[in-house]
Amino acid sequence: MSLLRAKCPTCRAYTAVALGADYECHSCGRTFAAGLVRVPRAWGDGGEAMVEAASLPLDYPETAVVAEDSLQAQTLAVASDLPLRPLVLGGCCCSHVGAVEGLAARHGRLGVVWLDAHGDLNSSESSPSGNN
């Protein structure tokens, strides 16, 4: 999918177009401040709920869906598919590494707002996914 075209969450048409930092849907006329990058893949066991959460409907135009077969390929795809103002919704914490790398390469310095679905209170031994 092109970084310039996105799926409008209002009318579902692939006509939302990047105009500078914002998106505007040419079908319904709605404007958006960010583009959504979905990463519906969880690495490790027990990630089904995280994968399901990465598919939640959100009120941002969908600019990319990254479903690569390896974490390295996923990271590269996320880094290269970022809109100017991305909202990344992923299946596990490691799915956002590419977004941080891509933004840091663009801007050199950045702030990240990280909303996590769990408290990261596991060790590698107690975590269902093997992540901590």
N, C-alpha and C. Protein backbone atom coordinates (compact mmCIF):
# COMPACT_ATOMS: atom_id res chain seq x y z
N MET A 1 0.84 -1.16 0.00
CA MET A 1 0.00 0.00 0.00
C MET A 1 0.90 1.24 0.00
N SER A 2 0.55 2.23 -0.74
CA SER A 2 1.32 3.47 -0.82
C SER A 2 1.21 4.25 0.48
N LEU A 3 2.28 4.93 0.85
CA LEU A 3 2.23 5.78 2.04
C LEU A 3 1.29 6.96 1.83
N LEU A 4 1.02 7.30 0.60
CA LEU A 4 0.16 8.44 0.33
C LEU A 4 -1.31 8.07 0.37
N ARG A 5 -1.66 6.83 0.05
CA ARG A 5 -3.06 6.40 0.07
C ARG A 5 -3.35 5.58 1.31
N ALA A 6 -4.54 5.76 1.85
CA ALA A 6 -4.92 5.03 3.05
C ALA A 6 -6.40 4.71 3.00
N LYS A 7 -6.80 3.74 3.80
CA LYS A 7 -8.20 3.34 3.89
C LYS A 7 -8.89 4.23 4.91
N CYS A 8 -9.91 4.95 4.48
CA CYS A 8 -10.66 5.86 5.34
C CYS A 8 -11.51 5.06 6.33
N PRO A 9 -11.42 5.33 7.65
CA PRO A 9 -12.23 4.59 8.61
C PRO A 9 -13.71 4.98 8.57
N THR A 10 -14.02 6.11 7.95
CA THR A 10 -15.41 6.55 7.89
C THR A 10 -16.15 5.89 6.74
N CYS A 11 -15.64 6.03 5.51
CA CYS A 11 -16.35 5.49 4.35
C CYS A 11 -15.71 4.21 3.81
N ARG A 12 -14.55 3.79 4.38
CA ARG A 12 -13.84 2.56 4.03
C ARG A 12 -13.23 2.56 2.63
N ALA A 13 -13.20 3.70 1.96
CA ALA A 13 -12.61 3.81 0.63
C ALA A 13 -11.10 4.03 0.75
N TYR A 14 -10.34 3.56 -0.23
CA TYR A 14 -8.89 3.79 -0.27
C TYR A 14 -8.62 5.14 -0.94
N THR A 15 -9.20 6.19 -0.39
CA THR A 15 -9.04 7.51 -1.00
C THR A 15 -8.51 8.55 -0.04
N ALA A 16 -8.14 8.15 1.17
CA ALA A 16 -7.54 9.11 2.09
C ALA A 16 -6.11 9.35 1.61
N VAL A 17 -5.75 10.60 1.39
CA VAL A 17 -4.46 10.94 0.80
C VAL A 17 -3.70 11.85 1.75
N ALA A 18 -2.38 11.61 1.88
CA ALA A 18 -1.55 12.45 2.74
C ALA A 18 -1.39 13.82 2.10
N LEU A 19 -1.71 14.83 2.87
CA LEU A 19 -1.51 16.23 2.47
C LEU A 19 -0.60 16.85 3.52
N GLY A 20 0.69 16.77 3.30
CA GLY A 20 1.62 17.19 4.35
C GLY A 20 1.53 16.20 5.49
N ALA A 21 1.31 16.70 6.70
CA ALA A 21 1.24 15.83 7.88
C ALA A 21 -0.12 15.18 8.06
N ASP A 22 -1.15 15.70 7.42
CA ASP A 22 -2.52 15.22 7.60
C ASP A 22 -3.00 14.37 6.43
N TYR A 23 -4.08 13.64 6.66
CA TYR A 23 -4.75 12.86 5.61
C TYR A 23 -6.13 13.46 5.37
N GLU A 24 -6.55 13.45 4.12
CA GLU A 24 -7.90 13.87 3.77
C GLU A 24 -8.50 12.82 2.86
N CYS A 25 -9.73 12.39 3.17
CA CYS A 25 -10.41 11.42 2.33
C CYS A 25 -11.07 12.15 1.17
N HIS A 26 -10.71 11.77 -0.03
CA HIS A 26 -11.28 12.41 -1.21
C HIS A 26 -12.67 11.91 -1.53
N SER A 27 -13.11 10.87 -0.85
CA SER A 27 -14.45 10.35 -1.07
C SER A 27 -15.47 11.03 -0.17
N CYS A 28 -15.17 11.12 1.15
CA CYS A 28 -16.14 11.71 2.09
C CYS A 28 -15.70 13.07 2.63
N GLY A 29 -14.44 13.47 2.38
CA GLY A 29 -13.97 14.79 2.79
C GLY A 29 -13.43 14.89 4.21
N ARG A 30 -13.43 13.81 4.96
CA ARG A 30 -12.95 13.83 6.34
C ARG A 30 -11.43 14.00 6.39
N THR A 31 -10.91 14.70 7.41
CA THR A 31 -9.47 14.86 7.59
C THR A 31 -9.03 14.16 8.88
N PHE A 32 -7.77 13.74 8.89
CA PHE A 32 -7.20 12.99 10.00
C PHE A 32 -5.79 13.51 10.28
N ALA A 33 -5.39 13.46 11.56
CA ALA A 33 -4.08 13.97 11.95
C ALA A 33 -2.99 12.91 11.95
N ALA A 34 -3.34 11.63 11.82
CA ALA A 34 -2.32 10.58 11.87
C ALA A 34 -2.73 9.42 10.98
N GLY A 35 -1.75 8.63 10.56
CA GLY A 35 -2.00 7.42 9.79
C GLY A 35 -1.75 6.19 10.65
N LEU A 36 -2.56 5.18 10.50
CA LEU A 36 -2.50 3.97 11.31
C LEU A 36 -1.70 2.89 10.59
N VAL A 37 -0.71 2.33 11.30
CA VAL A 37 0.06 1.19 10.81
C VAL A 37 -0.28 0.03 11.72
N ARG A 38 -0.85 -1.02 11.15
CA ARG A 38 -1.21 -2.21 11.94
C ARG A 38 -0.11 -3.27 11.79
N VAL A 39 0.27 -3.88 12.93
CA VAL A 39 1.26 -4.94 12.94
C VAL A 39 0.63 -6.13 13.68
N PRO A 40 -0.26 -6.88 13.00
CA PRO A 40 -1.02 -7.93 13.67
C PRO A 40 -0.27 -9.25 13.79
N ARG A 41 0.89 -9.21 14.41
CA ARG A 41 1.69 -10.43 14.58
C ARG A 41 2.32 -10.39 15.95
N ALA A 42 2.19 -11.47 16.71
CA ALA A 42 2.82 -11.57 18.02
C ALA A 42 3.89 -12.66 17.95
N TRP A 43 5.04 -12.38 18.50
CA TRP A 43 6.14 -13.34 18.49
C TRP A 43 6.13 -14.07 19.83
N GLY A 44 6.22 -15.38 19.81
CA GLY A 44 6.15 -16.18 21.03
C GLY A 44 4.79 -16.83 21.15
N ASP A 45 4.60 -17.59 22.21
CA ASP A 45 3.35 -18.31 22.43
C ASP A 45 2.36 -17.42 23.17
N GLY A 46 1.07 -17.70 22.98
CA GLY A 46 0.03 -17.02 23.74
C GLY A 46 -0.26 -15.61 23.27
N GLY A 47 0.03 -15.28 22.03
CA GLY A 47 -0.19 -13.92 21.55
C GLY A 47 -1.48 -13.70 20.82
N GLU A 48 -2.41 -14.66 20.86
CA GLU A 48 -3.65 -14.54 20.09
C GLU A 48 -4.45 -13.29 20.46
N ALA A 49 -4.56 -13.01 21.75
CA ALA A 49 -5.32 -11.83 22.19
C ALA A 49 -4.65 -10.54 21.71
N MET A 50 -3.32 -10.52 21.67
CA MET A 50 -2.61 -9.32 21.19
C MET A 50 -2.84 -9.14 19.69
N VAL A 51 -2.83 -10.23 18.95
CA VAL A 51 -3.09 -10.17 17.51
C VAL A 51 -4.50 -9.65 17.26
N GLU A 52 -5.45 -10.14 18.04
CA GLU A 52 -6.84 -9.69 17.91
C GLU A 52 -6.95 -8.19 18.23
N ALA A 53 -6.26 -7.74 19.26
CA ALA A 53 -6.30 -6.32 19.64
C ALA A 53 -5.69 -5.43 18.56
N ALA A 54 -4.71 -5.93 17.82
CA ALA A 54 -4.09 -5.14 16.76
C ALA A 54 -5.03 -4.91 15.60
N SER A 55 -6.16 -5.61 15.58
CA SER A 55 -7.14 -5.46 14.50
C SER A 55 -8.36 -4.65 14.92
N LEU A 56 -8.33 -4.05 16.11
CA LEU A 56 -9.47 -3.25 16.58
C LEU A 56 -9.74 -2.09 15.62
N PRO A 57 -10.99 -1.77 15.40
CA PRO A 57 -11.29 -0.60 14.55
C PRO A 57 -10.92 0.69 15.26
N LEU A 58 -10.18 1.54 14.58
CA LEU A 58 -9.79 2.84 15.13
C LEU A 58 -10.12 3.92 14.13
N ASP A 59 -10.30 5.11 14.62
CA ASP A 59 -10.74 6.23 13.80
C ASP A 59 -9.57 6.98 13.16
N TYR A 60 -8.67 6.23 12.53
CA TYR A 60 -7.53 6.80 11.79
C TYR A 60 -7.44 6.08 10.46
N PRO A 61 -6.98 6.73 9.41
CA PRO A 61 -6.85 6.03 8.13
C PRO A 61 -5.74 4.98 8.20
N GLU A 62 -6.03 3.80 7.67
CA GLU A 62 -5.08 2.70 7.70
C GLU A 62 -4.10 2.86 6.55
N THR A 63 -2.83 3.14 6.88
CA THR A 63 -1.83 3.36 5.84
C THR A 63 -1.07 2.10 5.47
N ALA A 64 -0.97 1.14 6.41
CA ALA A 64 -0.24 -0.09 6.12
C ALA A 64 -0.65 -1.19 7.09
N VAL A 65 -0.56 -2.43 6.63
CA VAL A 65 -0.70 -3.61 7.47
C VAL A 65 0.57 -4.41 7.24
N VAL A 66 1.35 -4.60 8.29
CA VAL A 66 2.64 -5.28 8.20
C VAL A 66 2.50 -6.67 8.80
N ALA A 67 2.61 -7.69 7.98
CA ALA A 67 2.46 -9.08 8.45
C ALA A 67 3.62 -9.91 7.92
N GLU A 68 4.83 -9.51 8.22
CA GLU A 68 6.02 -10.19 7.72
C GLU A 68 6.26 -11.50 8.49
N ASP A 69 7.06 -12.38 7.91
CA ASP A 69 7.29 -13.70 8.49
C ASP A 69 8.44 -13.78 9.48
N SER A 70 9.20 -12.71 9.63
CA SER A 70 10.27 -12.69 10.62
C SER A 70 10.28 -11.34 11.31
N LEU A 71 10.80 -11.31 12.52
CA LEU A 71 10.85 -10.05 13.27
C LEU A 71 11.73 -9.03 12.54
N GLN A 72 12.84 -9.46 11.94
CA GLN A 72 13.71 -8.55 11.21
C GLN A 72 12.99 -7.94 10.01
N ALA A 73 12.29 -8.76 9.23
CA ALA A 73 11.55 -8.25 8.07
C ALA A 73 10.42 -7.32 8.52
N GLN A 74 9.76 -7.68 9.62
CA GLN A 74 8.69 -6.84 10.17
C GLN A 74 9.24 -5.47 10.58
N THR A 75 10.37 -5.47 11.27
CA THR A 75 10.97 -4.22 11.72
C THR A 75 11.31 -3.32 10.54
N LEU A 76 11.91 -3.89 9.49
CA LEU A 76 12.25 -3.10 8.30
C LEU A 76 11.01 -2.57 7.60
N ALA A 77 9.96 -3.40 7.51
CA ALA A 77 8.73 -2.98 6.85
C ALA A 77 8.05 -1.85 7.62
N VAL A 78 8.00 -1.96 8.93
CA VAL A 78 7.38 -0.90 9.73
C VAL A 78 8.17 0.40 9.57
N ALA A 79 9.50 0.31 9.64
CA ALA A 79 10.34 1.51 9.50
C ALA A 79 10.13 2.19 8.16
N SER A 80 9.92 1.40 7.10
CA SER A 80 9.79 2.00 5.77
C SER A 80 8.36 2.43 5.44
N ASP A 81 7.35 1.91 6.15
CA ASP A 81 5.96 2.21 5.84
C ASP A 81 5.34 3.27 6.75
N LEU A 82 6.14 3.99 7.48
CA LEU A 82 5.59 4.97 8.42
C LEU A 82 5.08 6.22 7.74
N PRO A 83 3.86 6.64 8.06
CA PRO A 83 3.42 7.96 7.62
C PRO A 83 4.13 9.03 8.44
N LEU A 84 3.92 10.29 8.11
CA LEU A 84 4.59 11.38 8.82
C LEU A 84 4.27 11.36 10.30
N ARG A 85 2.99 11.16 10.64
CA ARG A 85 2.56 11.02 12.04
C ARG A 85 1.92 9.66 12.20
N PRO A 86 2.69 8.66 12.64
CA PRO A 86 2.14 7.31 12.72
C PRO A 86 1.47 7.01 14.05
N LEU A 87 0.47 6.18 13.99
CA LEU A 87 -0.10 5.52 15.16
C LEU A 87 0.09 4.04 14.87
N VAL A 88 0.95 3.38 15.64
CA VAL A 88 1.28 1.97 15.39
C VAL A 88 0.54 1.11 16.39
N LEU A 89 -0.25 0.17 15.88
CA LEU A 89 -1.01 -0.75 16.72
C LEU A 89 -0.48 -2.14 16.44
N GLY A 90 0.17 -2.74 17.46
CA GLY A 90 0.85 -4.00 17.21
C GLY A 90 0.44 -5.13 18.10
N GLY A 91 0.85 -6.33 17.70
CA GLY A 91 0.53 -7.55 18.42
C GLY A 91 1.44 -7.84 19.60
N CYS A 92 2.60 -7.23 19.66
CA CYS A 92 3.47 -7.36 20.83
C CYS A 92 4.44 -6.18 20.83
N CYS A 93 5.12 -6.00 21.95
CA CYS A 93 5.99 -4.83 22.11
C CYS A 93 7.05 -4.73 21.02
N CYS A 94 7.59 -5.86 20.59
CA CYS A 94 8.67 -5.83 19.60
C CYS A 94 8.18 -5.35 18.24
N SER A 95 6.87 -5.32 18.01
CA SER A 95 6.37 -4.87 16.72
C SER A 95 6.57 -3.37 16.52
N HIS A 96 6.89 -2.65 17.58
CA HIS A 96 7.05 -1.20 17.49
C HIS A 96 8.51 -0.77 17.32
N VAL A 97 9.43 -1.72 17.35
CA VAL A 97 10.85 -1.39 17.21
C VAL A 97 11.10 -0.68 15.88
N GLY A 98 10.49 -1.16 14.81
CA GLY A 98 10.67 -0.54 13.50
C GLY A 98 10.17 0.89 13.47
N ALA A 99 9.08 1.17 14.17
CA ALA A 99 8.55 2.54 14.21
C ALA A 99 9.53 3.48 14.91
N VAL A 100 10.08 3.04 16.02
CA VAL A 100 11.05 3.87 16.75
C VAL A 100 12.30 4.08 15.90
N GLU A 101 12.78 3.00 15.24
CA GLU A 101 13.96 3.12 14.37
C GLU A 101 13.70 4.08 13.21
N GLY A 102 12.55 3.92 12.55
CA GLY A 102 12.22 4.76 11.39
C GLY A 102 12.08 6.23 11.78
N LEU A 103 11.41 6.50 12.89
CA LEU A 103 11.24 7.88 13.33
C LEU A 103 12.56 8.49 13.79
N ALA A 104 13.38 7.71 14.49
CA ALA A 104 14.68 8.23 14.94
C ALA A 104 15.57 8.55 13.74
N ALA A 105 15.50 7.73 12.68
CA ALA A 105 16.30 8.01 11.48
C ALA A 105 15.84 9.29 10.80
N ARG A 106 14.53 9.55 10.83
CA ARG A 106 13.98 10.78 10.23
C ARG A 106 14.30 12.03 11.02
N HIS A 107 14.16 11.92 12.33
CA HIS A 107 14.20 13.13 13.16
C HIS A 107 15.41 13.25 14.06
N GLY A 108 16.14 12.16 14.26
CA GLY A 108 17.31 12.20 15.12
C GLY A 108 16.97 12.17 16.60
N ARG A 109 15.92 12.86 16.98
CA ARG A 109 15.51 12.92 18.38
C ARG A 109 13.98 12.85 18.41
N LEU A 110 13.44 12.04 19.29
CA LEU A 110 11.99 11.92 19.33
C LEU A 110 11.51 11.53 20.72
N GLY A 111 10.23 11.72 20.94
CA GLY A 111 9.57 11.28 22.16
C GLY A 111 8.57 10.20 21.77
N VAL A 112 8.44 9.19 22.59
CA VAL A 112 7.55 8.08 22.30
C VAL A 112 6.51 7.99 23.42
N VAL A 113 5.24 7.93 23.04
CA VAL A 113 4.17 7.66 24.00
C VAL A 113 3.84 6.19 23.86
N TRP A 114 4.07 5.43 24.90
CA TRP A 114 3.92 3.98 24.85
C TRP A 114 2.76 3.58 25.75
N LEU A 115 1.69 3.06 25.17
CA LEU A 115 0.55 2.54 25.94
C LEU A 115 0.61 1.02 25.82
N ASP A 116 0.81 0.36 26.93
CA ASP A 116 1.01 -1.07 26.94
C ASP A 116 -0.20 -1.76 27.57
N ALA A 117 -0.52 -2.94 27.09
CA ALA A 117 -1.70 -3.67 27.56
C ALA A 117 -1.42 -4.47 28.83
N HIS A 118 -0.19 -4.54 29.26
CA HIS A 118 0.13 -5.31 30.46
C HIS A 118 1.26 -4.62 31.20
N GLY A 119 1.49 -5.06 32.42
CA GLY A 119 2.44 -4.39 33.30
C GLY A 119 3.89 -4.78 33.12
N ASP A 120 4.20 -5.67 32.19
CA ASP A 120 5.58 -6.13 31.99
C ASP A 120 6.20 -6.59 33.31
N LEU A 121 5.43 -7.38 34.06
CA LEU A 121 5.89 -7.84 35.37
C LEU A 121 6.43 -9.27 35.33
N ASN A 122 6.60 -9.82 34.15
CA ASN A 122 7.06 -11.19 34.01
C ASN A 122 8.57 -11.26 33.86
N SER A 123 9.09 -12.40 34.25
CA SER A 123 10.47 -12.74 33.89
C SER A 123 10.38 -13.60 32.62
N SER A 124 11.50 -13.91 32.03
CA SER A 124 11.50 -14.79 30.85
C SER A 124 10.90 -16.15 31.16
N GLU A 125 11.07 -16.62 32.39
CA GLU A 125 10.56 -17.93 32.79
C GLU A 125 9.05 -17.92 33.04
N SER A 126 8.51 -16.82 33.57
CA SER A 126 7.07 -16.79 33.92
C SER A 126 6.18 -16.27 32.80
N SER A 127 6.77 -15.65 31.78
CA SER A 127 5.98 -15.06 30.70
C SER A 127 5.44 -16.14 29.77
N PRO A 128 4.13 -16.10 29.44
CA PRO A 128 3.58 -17.08 28.48
C PRO A 128 4.24 -17.02 27.12
N SER A 129 4.72 -15.84 26.71
CA SER A 129 5.34 -15.70 25.40
C SER A 129 6.86 -15.91 25.44
N GLY A 130 7.43 -15.97 26.65
CA GLY A 130 8.89 -16.06 26.78
C GLY A 130 9.54 -14.69 26.77
N ASN A 131 8.75 -13.64 26.58
CA ASN A 131 9.27 -12.27 26.63
C ASN A 131 9.11 -11.73 28.05
N ASN A 132 9.89 -10.73 28.40
CA ASN A 132 9.73 -10.09 29.71
C ASN A 132 9.69 -8.60 29.58
